[in-house]
All heavy atoms as atom14 arrays in JSON, in Angstrom:
{
  "sequence": "FREKLKFDDILQSLPEPKLVCRPYDDAERIYGPMVQRYRQLIEQL",
  "atom14_mask": [
    [1, 1, 1, 1, 1, 1, 1, 1, 1, 1, 1, 0, 0, 0],
    [1, 1, 1, 1, 1, 1, 1, 1, 1, 1, 1, 0, 0, 0],
    [1, 1, 1, 1, 1, 1, 1, 1, 1, 0, 0, 0, 0, 0],
    [1, 1, 1, 1, 1, 1, 1, 1, 1, 0, 0, 0, 0, 0],
    [1, 1, 1, 1, 1, 1, 1, 1, 0, 0, 0, 0, 0, 0],
    [1, 1, 1, 1, 1, 1, 1, 1, 1, 0, 0, 0, 0, 0],
    [1, 1, 1, 1, 1, 1, 1, 1, 1, 1, 1, 0, 0, 0],
    [1, 1, 1, 1, 1, 1, 1, 1, 0, 0, 0, 0, 0, 0],
    [1, 1, 1, 1, 1, 1, 1, 1, 0, 0, 0, 0, 0, 0],
    [1, 1, 1, 1, 1, 1, 1, 1, 0, 0, 0, 0, 0, 0],
    [1, 1, 1, 1, 1, 1, 1, 1, 0, 0, 0, 0, 0, 0],
    [1, 1, 1, 1, 1, 1, 1, 1, 1, 0, 0, 0, 0, 0],
    [1, 1, 1, 1, 1, 1, 0, 0, 0, 0, 0, 0, 0, 0],
    [1, 1, 1, 1, 1, 1, 1, 1, 0, 0, 0, 0, 0, 0],
    [1, 1, 1, 1, 1, 1, 1, 0, 0, 0, 0, 0, 0, 0],
    [1, 1, 1, 1, 1, 1, 1, 1, 1, 0, 0, 0, 0, 0],
    [1, 1, 1, 1, 1, 1, 1, 0, 0, 0, 0, 0, 0, 0],
    [1, 1, 1, 1, 1, 1, 1, 1, 1, 0, 0, 0, 0, 0],
    [1, 1, 1, 1, 1, 1, 1, 1, 0, 0, 0, 0, 0, 0],
    [1, 1, 1, 1, 1, 1, 1, 0, 0, 0, 0, 0, 0, 0],
    [1, 1, 1, 1, 1, 1, 0, 0, 0, 0, 0, 0, 0, 0],
    [1, 1, 1, 1, 1, 1, 1, 1, 1, 1, 1, 0, 0, 0],
    [1, 1, 1, 1, 1, 1, 1, 0, 0, 0, 0, 0, 0, 0],
    [1, 1, 1, 1, 1, 1, 1, 1, 1, 1, 1, 1, 0, 0],
    [1, 1, 1, 1, 1, 1, 1, 1, 0, 0, 0, 0, 0, 0],
    [1, 1, 1, 1, 1, 1, 1, 1, 0, 0, 0, 0, 0, 0],
    [1, 1, 1, 1, 1, 0, 0, 0, 0, 0, 0, 0, 0, 0],
    [1, 1, 1, 1, 1, 1, 1, 1, 1, 0, 0, 0, 0, 0],
    [1, 1, 1, 1, 1, 1, 1, 1, 1, 1, 1, 0, 0, 0],
    [1, 1, 1, 1, 1, 1, 1, 1, 0, 0, 0, 0, 0, 0],
    [1, 1, 1, 1, 1, 1, 1, 1, 1, 1, 1, 1, 0, 0],
    [1, 1, 1, 1, 0, 0, 0, 0, 0, 0, 0, 0, 0, 0],
    [1, 1, 1, 1, 1, 1, 1, 0, 0, 0, 0, 0, 0, 0],
    [1, 1, 1, 1, 1, 1, 1, 1, 0, 0, 0, 0, 0, 0],
    [1, 1, 1, 1, 1, 1, 1, 0, 0, 0, 0, 0, 0, 0],
    [1, 1, 1, 1, 1, 1, 1, 1, 1, 0, 0, 0, 0, 0],
    [1, 1, 1, 1, 1, 1, 1, 1, 1, 1, 1, 0, 0, 0],
    [1, 1, 1, 1, 1, 1, 1, 1, 1, 1, 1, 1, 0, 0],
    [1, 1, 1, 1, 1, 1, 1, 1, 1, 1, 1, 0, 0, 0],
    [1, 1, 1, 1, 1, 1, 1, 1, 1, 0, 0, 0, 0, 0],
    [1, 1, 1, 1, 1, 1, 1, 1, 0, 0, 0, 0, 0, 0],
    [1, 1, 1, 1, 1, 1, 1, 1, 0, 0, 0, 0, 0, 0],
    [1, 1, 1, 1, 1, 1, 1, 1, 1, 0, 0, 0, 0, 0],
    [1, 1, 1, 1, 1, 1, 1, 1, 1, 0, 0, 0, 0, 0],
    [1, 1, 1, 1, 1, 1, 1, 1, 0, 0, 0, 0, 0, 0]
  ],
  "atom14_positions": [
    [[-38.77, -72.65, 44.22], [-39.07, -73.92, 43.47], [-39.99, -73.37, 42.25], [-40.59, -74.43, 41.7], [-39.75, -74.89, 44.28], [-38.94, -75.36, 45.51], [-39.09, -74.74, 46.63], [-37.83, -76.34, 45.38], [-38.24, -75.16, 47.84], [-37.12, -76.66, 46.42], [-37.26, -76.1, 47.68], [0.0, 0.0, 0.0], [0.0, 0.0, 0.0], [0.0, 0.0, 0.0]],
    [[-40.07, -72.23, 41.89], [-41.13, -71.85, 40.91], [-40.91, -72.39, 39.55], [-41.84, -72.51, 38.82], [-41.22, -70.28, 40.91], [-39.92, -69.59, 40.35], [-39.92, -68.12, 40.49], [-40.84, -67.55, 39.46], [-40.5, -66.53, 38.64], [-39.25, -65.99, 38.75], [-41.25, -66.11, 37.81], [0.0, 0.0, 0.0], [0.0, 0.0, 0.0], [0.0, 0.0, 0.0]],
    [[-39.65, -72.74, 39.22], [-39.38, -73.37, 37.85], [-39.97, -74.75, 37.82], [-40.34, -75.2, 36.72], [-37.91, -73.43, 37.64], [-37.28, -71.97, 37.61], [-37.88, -71.07, 36.56], [-38.32, -71.48, 35.54], [-37.89, -69.78, 36.89], [0.0, 0.0, 0.0], [0.0, 0.0, 0.0], [0.0, 0.0, 0.0], [0.0, 0.0, 0.0], [0.0, 0.0, 0.0]],
    [[-40.05, -75.48, 38.98], [-40.44, -76.94, 38.87], [-41.8, -77.07, 39.44], [-42.5, -77.99, 39.02], [-39.53, -77.66, 39.78], [-38.01, -77.7, 39.33], [-37.16, -78.45, 40.43], [-35.61, -78.15, 40.12], [-34.91, -78.65, 41.38], [0.0, 0.0, 0.0], [0.0, 0.0, 0.0], [0.0, 0.0, 0.0], [0.0, 0.0, 0.0], [0.0, 0.0, 0.0]],
    [[-42.3, -76.33, 40.44], [-43.49, -76.53, 41.12], [-44.49, -75.41, 41.0], [-44.1, -74.16, 41.23], [-43.29, -76.93, 42.61], [-42.31, -78.1, 42.89], [-41.99, -78.14, 44.36], [-43.03, -79.34, 42.51], [0.0, 0.0, 0.0], [0.0, 0.0, 0.0], [0.0, 0.0, 0.0], [0.0, 0.0, 0.0], [0.0, 0.0, 0.0], [0.0, 0.0, 0.0]],
    [[-45.81, -75.69, 40.93], [-46.75, -74.76, 41.05], [-46.89, -74.33, 42.51], [-46.62, -75.14, 43.35], [-48.15, -75.26, 40.57], [-48.23, -75.42, 39.02], [-49.65, -75.84, 38.72], [-49.88, -75.89, 37.22], [-51.1, -76.38, 36.76], [0.0, 0.0, 0.0], [0.0, 0.0, 0.0], [0.0, 0.0, 0.0], [0.0, 0.0, 0.0], [0.0, 0.0, 0.0]],
    [[-47.6, -73.22, 42.83], [-47.79, -72.79, 44.13], [-48.58, -73.92, 44.92], [-48.13, -74.17, 46.17], [-48.5, -71.45, 44.17], [-48.81, -70.87, 45.59], [-47.75, -70.37, 46.27], [-49.98, -70.96, 46.29], [-47.85, -69.88, 47.55], [-50.26, -70.43, 47.37], [-49.13, -69.87, 48.13], [0.0, 0.0, 0.0], [0.0, 0.0, 0.0], [0.0, 0.0, 0.0]],
    [[-49.55, -74.46, 44.36], [-50.23, -75.46, 45.05], [-49.47, -76.65, 45.42], [-49.73, -77.4, 46.47], [-51.62, -75.82, 44.18], [-52.54, -76.59, 45.01], [-52.85, -76.16, 46.15], [-53.22, -77.47, 44.55], [0.0, 0.0, 0.0], [0.0, 0.0, 0.0], [0.0, 0.0, 0.0], [0.0, 0.0, 0.0], [0.0, 0.0, 0.0], [0.0, 0.0, 0.0]],
    [[-48.56, -76.95, 44.59], [-47.67, -78.19, 44.83], [-46.88, -78.06, 46.16], [-46.69, -79.11, 46.92], [-46.69, -78.41, 43.7], [-47.4, -78.73, 42.44], [-48.45, -79.3, 42.51], [-46.83, -78.4, 41.36], [0.0, 0.0, 0.0], [0.0, 0.0, 0.0], [0.0, 0.0, 0.0], [0.0, 0.0, 0.0], [0.0, 0.0, 0.0], [0.0, 0.0, 0.0]],
    [[-46.48, -76.77, 46.53], [-45.63, -76.72, 47.77], [-46.43, -76.68, 48.96], [-46.03, -76.81, 50.14], [-44.71, -75.38, 47.74], [-45.57, -74.2, 47.82], [-43.74, -75.44, 46.51], [-45.07, -73.24, 48.79], [0.0, 0.0, 0.0], [0.0, 0.0, 0.0], [0.0, 0.0, 0.0], [0.0, 0.0, 0.0], [0.0, 0.0, 0.0], [0.0, 0.0, 0.0]],
    [[-47.83, -76.65, 48.86], [-48.7, -76.64, 49.98], [-49.23, -78.02, 50.37], [-50.0, -78.15, 51.29], [-49.95, -75.72, 49.75], [-49.64, -74.35, 49.31], [-50.9, -73.59, 48.86], [-48.87, -73.56, 50.35], [0.0, 0.0, 0.0], [0.0, 0.0, 0.0], [0.0, 0.0, 0.0], [0.0, 0.0, 0.0], [0.0, 0.0, 0.0], [0.0, 0.0, 0.0]],
    [[-48.75, -79.09, 49.58], [-49.22, -80.41, 49.89], [-49.13, -81.05, 51.37], [-49.94, -81.73, 51.76], [-48.61, -81.5, 48.91], [-48.87, -81.13, 47.4], [-50.34, -81.18, 47.02], [-51.12, -81.91, 47.66], [-50.71, -80.43, 45.98], [0.0, 0.0, 0.0], [0.0, 0.0, 0.0], [0.0, 0.0, 0.0], [0.0, 0.0, 0.0], [0.0, 0.0, 0.0]],
    [[-48.11, -80.51, 52.02], [-47.85, -80.97, 53.45], [-48.95, -80.31, 54.37], [-48.92, -80.81, 55.49], [-46.55, -80.66, 53.83], [-46.28, -79.13, 53.75], [0.0, 0.0, 0.0], [0.0, 0.0, 0.0], [0.0, 0.0, 0.0], [0.0, 0.0, 0.0], [0.0, 0.0, 0.0], [0.0, 0.0, 0.0], [0.0, 0.0, 0.0], [0.0, 0.0, 0.0]],
    [[-49.6, -79.35, 53.96], [-50.59, -78.69, 54.9], [-51.95, -79.45, 54.97], [-52.41, -79.94, 53.92], [-50.77, -77.2, 54.45], [-49.63, -76.25, 54.55], [-49.94, -74.97, 53.9], [-49.25, -76.03, 56.11], [0.0, 0.0, 0.0], [0.0, 0.0, 0.0], [0.0, 0.0, 0.0], [0.0, 0.0, 0.0], [0.0, 0.0, 0.0], [0.0, 0.0, 0.0]],
    [[-52.56, -79.37, 56.0], [-53.86, -79.97, 56.11], [-54.9, -79.22, 55.27], [-54.77, -77.98, 55.17], [-54.28, -79.94, 57.64], [-53.47, -78.83, 58.2], [-52.16, -78.89, 57.41], [0.0, 0.0, 0.0], [0.0, 0.0, 0.0], [0.0, 0.0, 0.0], [0.0, 0.0, 0.0], [0.0, 0.0, 0.0], [0.0, 0.0, 0.0], [0.0, 0.0, 0.0]],
    [[-55.85, -79.92, 54.65], [-56.82, -79.25, 53.91], [-57.72, -78.44, 54.64], [-57.99, -78.83, 55.86], [-57.64, -80.31, 53.04], [-56.83, -80.86, 51.88], [-56.62, -79.73, 50.7], [-57.49, -79.04, 50.4], [-55.39, -79.72, 50.22], [0.0, 0.0, 0.0], [0.0, 0.0, 0.0], [0.0, 0.0, 0.0], [0.0, 0.0, 0.0], [0.0, 0.0, 0.0]],
    [[-58.4, -77.41, 54.17], [-59.51, -76.71, 54.96], [-60.62, -77.74, 55.16], [-60.79, -78.66, 54.5], [-59.95, -75.63, 53.97], [-58.91, -75.42, 52.97], [-58.11, -76.71, 52.9], [0.0, 0.0, 0.0], [0.0, 0.0, 0.0], [0.0, 0.0, 0.0], [0.0, 0.0, 0.0], [0.0, 0.0, 0.0], [0.0, 0.0, 0.0], [0.0, 0.0, 0.0]],
    [[-61.34, -77.51, 56.3], [-62.31, -78.48, 56.74], [-63.6, -78.3, 56.01], [-64.21, -77.21, 55.9], [-62.5, -78.3, 58.29], [-63.3, -79.41, 58.84], [-63.43, -79.25, 60.39], [-64.59, -78.24, 60.73], [-64.68, -77.96, 62.18], [0.0, 0.0, 0.0], [0.0, 0.0, 0.0], [0.0, 0.0, 0.0], [0.0, 0.0, 0.0], [0.0, 0.0, 0.0]],
    [[-64.08, -79.39, 55.37], [-65.37, -79.37, 54.76], [-66.54, -79.28, 55.76], [-66.55, -80.02, 56.61], [-65.58, -80.64, 53.89], [-66.96, -80.83, 53.11], [-67.15, -79.69, 52.08], [-67.12, -82.11, 52.61], [0.0, 0.0, 0.0], [0.0, 0.0, 0.0], [0.0, 0.0, 0.0], [0.0, 0.0, 0.0], [0.0, 0.0, 0.0], [0.0, 0.0, 0.0]],
    [[-67.41, -78.22, 55.64], [-68.47, -78.01, 56.51], [-69.86, -78.43, 55.93], [-70.61, -79.06, 56.65], [-68.52, -76.62, 56.94], [-69.63, -76.31, 57.97], [-67.19, -76.04, 57.44], [0.0, 0.0, 0.0], [0.0, 0.0, 0.0], [0.0, 0.0, 0.0], [0.0, 0.0, 0.0], [0.0, 0.0, 0.0], [0.0, 0.0, 0.0], [0.0, 0.0, 0.0]],
    [[-70.12, -78.1, 54.7], [-71.37, -78.51, 54.1], [-71.28, -78.52, 52.56], [-70.4, -77.8, 51.99], [-72.54, -77.58, 54.61], [-72.14, -75.92, 54.51], [0.0, 0.0, 0.0], [0.0, 0.0, 0.0], [0.0, 0.0, 0.0], [0.0, 0.0, 0.0], [0.0, 0.0, 0.0], [0.0, 0.0, 0.0], [0.0, 0.0, 0.0], [0.0, 0.0, 0.0]],
    [[-72.16, -79.25, 52.09], [-72.34, -79.34, 50.55], [-73.74, -78.84, 50.13], [-74.67, -78.98, 50.95], [-72.18, -80.78, 50.1], [-70.85, -81.41, 50.33], [-70.84, -82.83, 49.66], [-69.46, -83.3, 49.86], [-68.34, -83.09, 49.11], [-68.5, -82.28, 48.08], [-67.18, -83.65, 49.33], [0.0, 0.0, 0.0], [0.0, 0.0, 0.0], [0.0, 0.0, 0.0]],
    [[-73.9, -78.37, 48.91], [-75.19, -77.89, 48.56], [-76.27, -79.11, 48.29], [-75.84, -80.08, 47.96], [-74.99, -77.12, 47.07], [-73.75, -77.74, 46.69], [-72.91, -78.26, 47.8], [0.0, 0.0, 0.0], [0.0, 0.0, 0.0], [0.0, 0.0, 0.0], [0.0, 0.0, 0.0], [0.0, 0.0, 0.0], [0.0, 0.0, 0.0], [0.0, 0.0, 0.0]],
    [[-77.48, -78.71, 48.49], [-78.44, -79.68, 48.1], [-78.66, -79.84, 46.66], [-78.24, -79.0, 45.95], [-79.86, -79.31, 48.73], [-79.98, -79.4, 50.25], [-79.76, -78.38, 51.08], [-80.29, -80.68, 50.72], [-79.89, -78.51, 52.49], [-80.4, -80.82, 52.15], [-80.11, -79.74, 52.95], [-80.26, -80.01, 54.39], [0.0, 0.0, 0.0], [0.0, 0.0, 0.0]],
    [[-79.06, -81.01, 46.16], [-79.17, -81.29, 44.8], [-80.01, -80.27, 44.02], [-79.71, -80.06, 42.85], [-79.84, -82.71, 44.59], [-78.79, -83.83, 45.04], [-77.56, -83.48, 45.28], [-79.27, -84.97, 45.3], [0.0, 0.0, 0.0], [0.0, 0.0, 0.0], [0.0, 0.0, 0.0], [0.0, 0.0, 0.0], [0.0, 0.0, 0.0], [0.0, 0.0, 0.0]],
    [[-81.03, -79.69, 44.66], [-81.9, -78.79, 43.91], [-81.46, -77.39, 44.1], [-82.26, -76.43, 43.79], [-83.23, -78.92, 44.32], [-83.46, -78.74, 45.82], [-82.42, -78.68, 46.59], [-84.68, -78.75, 46.28], [0.0, 0.0, 0.0], [0.0, 0.0, 0.0], [0.0, 0.0, 0.0], [0.0, 0.0, 0.0], [0.0, 0.0, 0.0], [0.0, 0.0, 0.0]],
    [[-80.34, -77.15, 44.7], [-79.81, -75.7, 44.96], [-79.93, -74.83, 43.78], [-80.5, -73.68, 43.87], [-78.43, -75.73, 45.53], [0.0, 0.0, 0.0], [0.0, 0.0, 0.0], [0.0, 0.0, 0.0], [0.0, 0.0, 0.0], [0.0, 0.0, 0.0], [0.0, 0.0, 0.0], [0.0, 0.0, 0.0], [0.0, 0.0, 0.0], [0.0, 0.0, 0.0]],
    [[-79.25, -75.19, 42.6], [-79.22, -74.34, 41.54], [-80.6, -74.06, 40.98], [-80.87, -72.93, 40.54], [-78.32, -74.92, 40.48], [-78.17, -74.13, 39.26], [-77.43, -72.74, 39.5], [-76.89, -72.6, 40.63], [-77.62, -71.84, 38.78], [0.0, 0.0, 0.0], [0.0, 0.0, 0.0], [0.0, 0.0, 0.0], [0.0, 0.0, 0.0], [0.0, 0.0, 0.0]],
    [[-81.49, -75.09, 41.04], [-82.92, -74.76, 40.47], [-83.58, -73.73, 41.31], [-84.37, -72.88, 40.79], [-83.62, -76.09, 40.61], [-85.01, -76.01, 40.04], [-85.74, -77.34, 39.85], [-85.81, -77.96, 41.15], [-86.7, -77.77, 42.04], [-87.54, -76.73, 41.94], [-86.78, -78.44, 43.26], [0.0, 0.0, 0.0], [0.0, 0.0, 0.0], [0.0, 0.0, 0.0]],
    [[-83.25, -73.63, 42.62], [-83.88, -72.57, 43.51], [-83.12, -71.25, 43.36], [-83.77, -70.23, 43.15], [-83.83, -73.13, 44.92], [-84.73, -74.31, 45.08], [-84.33, -71.94, 45.88], [-84.55, -75.04, 46.41], [0.0, 0.0, 0.0], [0.0, 0.0, 0.0], [0.0, 0.0, 0.0], [0.0, 0.0, 0.0], [0.0, 0.0, 0.0], [0.0, 0.0, 0.0]],
    [[-81.8, -71.26, 43.36], [-81.06, -69.98, 43.51], [-80.57, -69.36, 42.22], [-80.44, -68.21, 42.19], [-79.85, -70.14, 44.48], [-80.4, -70.34, 45.91], [-80.32, -71.6, 46.56], [-80.89, -69.27, 46.54], [-80.74, -71.76, 47.82], [-81.41, -69.41, 47.87], [-81.3, -70.66, 48.52], [-81.78, -70.85, 49.77], [0.0, 0.0, 0.0], [0.0, 0.0, 0.0]],
    [[-80.52, -70.22, 41.08], [-80.25, -69.6, 39.84], [-81.24, -68.47, 39.48], [-80.79, -67.38, 39.14], [0.0, 0.0, 0.0], [0.0, 0.0, 0.0], [0.0, 0.0, 0.0], [0.0, 0.0, 0.0], [0.0, 0.0, 0.0], [0.0, 0.0, 0.0], [0.0, 0.0, 0.0], [0.0, 0.0, 0.0], [0.0, 0.0, 0.0], [0.0, 0.0, 0.0]],
    [[-82.55, -68.77, 39.46], [-83.61, -67.73, 39.1], [-83.58, -66.61, 40.16], [-83.84, -65.46, 39.77], [-84.9, -68.53, 39.22], [-84.56, -69.93, 39.04], [-83.2, -70.1, 39.65], [0.0, 0.0, 0.0], [0.0, 0.0, 0.0], [0.0, 0.0, 0.0], [0.0, 0.0, 0.0], [0.0, 0.0, 0.0], [0.0, 0.0, 0.0], [0.0, 0.0, 0.0]],
    [[-83.08, -66.82, 41.46], [-83.06, -65.77, 42.43], [-81.95, -64.81, 42.08], [-82.09, -63.47, 42.39], [-83.0, -66.35, 43.85], [-84.26, -66.9, 44.38], [-84.06, -67.66, 46.0], [-83.95, -66.27, 47.07], [0.0, 0.0, 0.0], [0.0, 0.0, 0.0], [0.0, 0.0, 0.0], [0.0, 0.0, 0.0], [0.0, 0.0, 0.0], [0.0, 0.0, 0.0]],
    [[-80.88, -65.26, 41.54], [-79.84, -64.35, 41.15], [-80.37, -63.39, 40.03], [-80.05, -62.29, 40.1], [-78.54, -65.11, 40.71], [-77.52, -64.19, 40.08], [-78.01, -65.9, 41.71], [0.0, 0.0, 0.0], [0.0, 0.0, 0.0], [0.0, 0.0, 0.0], [0.0, 0.0, 0.0], [0.0, 0.0, 0.0], [0.0, 0.0, 0.0], [0.0, 0.0, 0.0]],
    [[-81.06, -64.01, 39.08], [-81.69, -63.19, 38.03], [-82.69, -62.17, 38.6], [-82.6, -61.03, 38.13], [-82.38, -64.06, 36.94], [-81.43, -64.99, 36.19], [-80.23, -64.3, 35.82], [-80.27, -63.17, 35.11], [-78.94, -64.82, 35.93], [0.0, 0.0, 0.0], [0.0, 0.0, 0.0], [0.0, 0.0, 0.0], [0.0, 0.0, 0.0], [0.0, 0.0, 0.0]],
    [[-83.44, -62.6, 39.54], [-84.4, -61.78, 40.15], [-83.7, -60.55, 40.85], [-84.1, -59.43, 40.83], [-85.3, -62.57, 41.19], [-86.46, -61.72, 41.81], [-87.2, -62.55, 42.79], [-88.21, -61.75, 43.4], [-89.01, -62.12, 44.45], [-88.77, -63.35, 44.94], [-89.93, -61.36, 44.9], [0.0, 0.0, 0.0], [0.0, 0.0, 0.0], [0.0, 0.0, 0.0]],
    [[-82.52, -60.9, 41.55], [-81.86, -59.83, 42.22], [-81.41, -58.71, 41.17], [-81.48, -57.55, 41.43], [-80.64, -60.5, 42.99], [-79.48, -59.49, 43.38], [-79.76, -58.77, 44.66], [-78.41, -59.18, 42.6], [-78.87, -57.84, 44.98], [-77.52, -58.28, 43.08], [-77.68, -57.57, 44.26], [-76.78, -56.66, 44.58], [0.0, 0.0, 0.0], [0.0, 0.0, 0.0]],
    [[-80.87, -59.26, 40.08], [-80.41, -58.32, 39.11], [-81.47, -57.29, 38.62], [-81.33, -56.14, 38.53], [-79.77, -58.93, 37.92], [-78.47, -59.86, 38.16], [-78.04, -60.47, 36.85], [-77.15, -61.54, 37.03], [-75.87, -61.27, 37.35], [-75.39, -60.19, 37.48], [-75.09, -62.4, 37.58], [0.0, 0.0, 0.0], [0.0, 0.0, 0.0], [0.0, 0.0, 0.0]],
    [[-82.67, -57.92, 38.42], [-83.89, -57.1, 37.9], [-84.3, -56.12, 39.06], [-84.52, -54.87, 38.76], [-85.08, -58.02, 37.6], [-84.74, -58.79, 36.36], [-85.63, -60.02, 36.21], [-86.43, -60.27, 37.08], [-85.5, -60.84, 35.16], [0.0, 0.0, 0.0], [0.0, 0.0, 0.0], [0.0, 0.0, 0.0], [0.0, 0.0, 0.0], [0.0, 0.0, 0.0]],
    [[-84.28, -56.56, 40.27], [-84.65, -55.69, 41.44], [-83.66, -54.52, 41.52], [-84.11, -53.35, 41.75], [-84.72, -56.45, 42.7], [-85.92, -57.34, 42.94], [-85.78, -58.15, 44.21], [-87.22, -56.63, 42.88], [0.0, 0.0, 0.0], [0.0, 0.0, 0.0], [0.0, 0.0, 0.0], [0.0, 0.0, 0.0], [0.0, 0.0, 0.0], [0.0, 0.0, 0.0]],
    [[-82.37, -54.84, 41.38], [-81.35, -53.71, 41.62], [-81.53, -52.8, 40.44], [-81.46, -51.55, 40.66], [-79.97, -54.41, 41.53], [-79.71, -55.24, 42.75], [-78.9, -53.22, 41.46], [-79.93, -54.44, 44.18], [0.0, 0.0, 0.0], [0.0, 0.0, 0.0], [0.0, 0.0, 0.0], [0.0, 0.0, 0.0], [0.0, 0.0, 0.0], [0.0, 0.0, 0.0]],
    [[-81.84, -53.24, 39.24], [-82.05, -52.41, 38.13], [-83.18, -51.4, 38.38], [-83.05, -50.09, 38.23], [-82.3, -53.2, 36.9], [-81.79, -52.53, 35.66], [-81.94, -53.47, 34.48], [-81.24, -54.56, 34.49], [-82.74, -53.13, 33.51], [0.0, 0.0, 0.0], [0.0, 0.0, 0.0], [0.0, 0.0, 0.0], [0.0, 0.0, 0.0], [0.0, 0.0, 0.0]],
    [[-84.25, -51.84, 38.9], [-85.5, -51.11, 39.2], [-85.1, -50.06, 40.39], [-85.44, -48.93, 40.31], [-86.61, -51.95, 39.71], [-87.23, -52.82, 38.57], [-88.14, -53.92, 39.14], [-88.58, -53.83, 40.28], [-88.41, -54.91, 38.33], [0.0, 0.0, 0.0], [0.0, 0.0, 0.0], [0.0, 0.0, 0.0], [0.0, 0.0, 0.0], [0.0, 0.0, 0.0]],
    [[-84.43, -50.6, 41.36], [-84.09, -49.81, 42.62], [-83.24, -48.58, 42.21], [-83.33, -47.45, 42.69], [-83.53, -50.57, 43.73], [-84.47, -51.49, 44.53], [-83.73, -52.4, 45.39], [-85.38, -50.63, 45.39], [0.0, 0.0, 0.0], [0.0, 0.0, 0.0], [0.0, 0.0, 0.0], [0.0, 0.0, 0.0], [0.0, 0.0, 0.0], [0.0, 0.0, 0.0]]
  ]
}
C-alpha cells in the first residue's frame, strides 16, 4: 500500500504503546543545564 498509505497509517489497528509517565513541568530547567555540564566534564576527562 506504499503508494497510498504511510507506514504509520497501516499500524492504526494496533494498540498504542502504554503511557507510563510524563515529565514534570520544571524538567527542562533542571536537566538542560545538566546536559551542558556533562559535555564540559567529558571534555575535561
